Protein backbone atom coordinates (compact mmCIF):
# COMPACT_ATOMS: atom_id res chain seq x y z
CA CYS A 1 13.94 -5.97 11.19
CA ILE A 2 16.35 -4.20 8.84
CA LEU A 3 13.60 -2.97 6.54
CA MET A 4 11.78 -1.34 9.43
CA LEU A 5 14.97 0.36 10.60
CA ILE A 6 15.63 1.67 7.12
CA LEU A 7 12.13 3.10 6.96
CA MET A 8 12.58 4.67 10.37
CA CYS A 9 15.89 6.23 9.25
CA THR A 10 14.29 7.87 6.24
CA ARG A 11 13.81 11.49 7.17
CA GLU A 12 13.12 14.78 5.47
CA ARG A 13 16.81 15.09 4.54
CA HIS A 14 16.37 12.03 2.31
CA ILE A 15 13.67 13.62 0.16
CA GLY A 16 14.99 14.00 -3.36
CA GLN A 17 17.78 11.46 -2.76
CA TRP A 18 18.03 8.08 -4.46
CA LYS A 19 16.33 5.31 -2.48
CA SER A 20 19.20 2.93 -3.21
CA THR A 21 21.92 5.20 -1.80
CA THR A 22 19.80 6.20 1.20
CA ALA A 23 19.09 2.54 2.01
CA ALA A 24 22.75 1.59 1.56
CA GLN A 25 23.81 4.33 3.98
CA ALA A 26 21.18 3.24 6.52
CA ILE A 27 22.26 -0.41 6.31
CA ALA A 28 25.92 0.55 6.64
CA ALA A 29 25.10 2.57 9.77
CA LEU A 30 23.50 -0.49 11.41
CA SER A 31 26.64 -2.60 11.53
CA PRO A 32 30.34 -2.14 12.21
CA HIS A 33 30.89 -4.74 9.45
CA PRO A 34 28.19 -3.95 6.87
CA PRO A 35 27.58 -6.26 3.92
CA LYS A 36 28.91 -5.32 0.50
CA ILE A 37 26.21 -3.14 -1.06
CA HIS A 38 26.14 -1.71 -4.56
CA ALA A 39 23.63 1.14 -4.65
CA LEU A 40 22.68 1.66 -8.28
CA THR A 41 20.75 4.64 -9.64
CA LEU A 42 20.16 3.54 -13.22
CA PRO A 43 16.64 2.93 -14.48
CA VAL A 44 15.83 -0.72 -15.12
CA GLY A 45 14.32 -1.78 -18.41
CA SER A 46 15.23 -2.67 -21.95
CA ALA A 47 17.34 0.52 -22.29
CA THR A 48 19.76 -0.75 -19.60
CA ALA A 49 19.63 -4.46 -20.49
CA GLN A 50 23.40 -4.45 -21.14
CA THR A 51 24.08 -3.28 -17.58
CA PHE A 52 21.42 -5.48 -15.98
CA SER A 53 22.31 -8.55 -18.02
CA PRO A 54 21.49 -12.16 -17.07
CA ALA A 55 25.04 -12.41 -15.68
CA PHE A 56 24.35 -9.41 -13.41
CA TRP A 57 21.25 -11.03 -11.89
CA LYS A 58 23.03 -14.35 -11.40
CA LEU A 59 25.74 -12.58 -9.38
CA CYS A 60 23.12 -11.23 -6.97
CA ASP A 61 22.40 -13.26 -3.85
CA LEU A 62 19.34 -11.13 -3.17
CA ALA A 63 17.55 -8.36 -5.05
CA LEU A 64 16.06 -5.52 -2.97
CA PRO A 65 14.50 -3.28 -5.61
CA ALA A 66 13.17 0.13 -4.60
CA LEU A 67 11.02 0.78 -7.64
CA ASP A 68 8.28 3.32 -8.16
CA ASN A 69 6.37 1.84 -11.05
CA VAL A 70 4.76 -1.40 -12.18
CA PRO A 71 6.67 -1.79 -15.49
CA ALA A 72 10.03 -1.60 -13.65
CA ARG A 73 8.83 -4.09 -11.01
CA MET A 74 7.68 -6.51 -13.68
CA TYR A 75 10.97 -6.13 -15.57
CA VAL A 76 13.07 -6.85 -12.47
CA ASP A 77 10.76 -9.72 -11.54
CA SER A 78 11.21 -11.33 -14.95
CA ARG A 79 14.99 -11.05 -14.63
CA VAL A 80 15.28 -12.49 -11.12
CA VAL A 81 12.96 -15.35 -12.02
CA ARG A 82 15.17 -16.27 -14.97
CA ALA A 83 18.32 -16.01 -12.83
CA GLY A 84 16.85 -17.91 -9.85
CA THR A 85 17.65 -14.96 -7.55
CA TRP A 86 15.64 -14.20 -4.42
CA MET A 87 13.84 -10.87 -4.31
CA VAL A 88 12.27 -8.87 -1.50
CA ASP A 89 9.91 -6.26 -2.88
CA ALA A 90 8.24 -3.64 -0.72
CA GLY A 91 5.71 -0.98 -1.44
CA THR A 92 3.57 -2.69 -4.05
CA LEU A 93 0.50 -1.43 -2.21
CA GLY A 94 1.70 2.14 -1.76
CA THR A 95 1.49 3.44 1.79
CA LYS A 96 0.06 0.20 3.20
CA GLY A 97 3.63 -0.97 3.88
CA ASN A 98 3.53 -4.53 2.55
CA VAL A 99 6.60 -6.67 1.83
CA GLN A 100 6.64 -9.60 -0.59
CA VAL A 101 9.45 -12.16 -0.59
CA GLY A 102 9.88 -13.83 -3.93
CA ASP A 103 11.46 -17.25 -4.32
CA THR A 104 11.48 -18.31 -7.93
CA PHE A 105 10.25 -21.80 -7.20
CA LEU A 106 8.07 -21.35 -4.12
CA SER A 107 6.12 -18.10 -4.35
CA VAL A 108 3.97 -16.00 -6.63
CA VAL A 109 5.93 -13.72 -8.90
CA CYS A 110 5.26 -10.02 -9.48
CA ASP A 111 3.73 -10.74 -12.84
CA CYS A 112 0.77 -12.32 -11.07
CA TRP A 113 0.17 -9.43 -8.63
CA PHE A 114 -1.13 -6.91 -11.13
């Protein structure tokens, strides 16, 4: 499981680093031909709506947000639902280690979790 390997690769040296860049490096280390990954470090929300536009979300095959707060999760959720993009969200229950796969038309969306 890629997510488990990423978690196992997260060590003390990663403390204080961006989750997105750390995860991208871990994924790249798993394969001689890693997928194309864009590790972004911008906050998501209305302030960055120009960057994270509807066109941005439609270009994504899969969203793997690494977010630390409920408002950001709900914002991303609302955007992927509108774009019809799949999302895998982890950590919504803190240290309990859950993962939630979101398919716009088949599963519960983040908005309903809280």
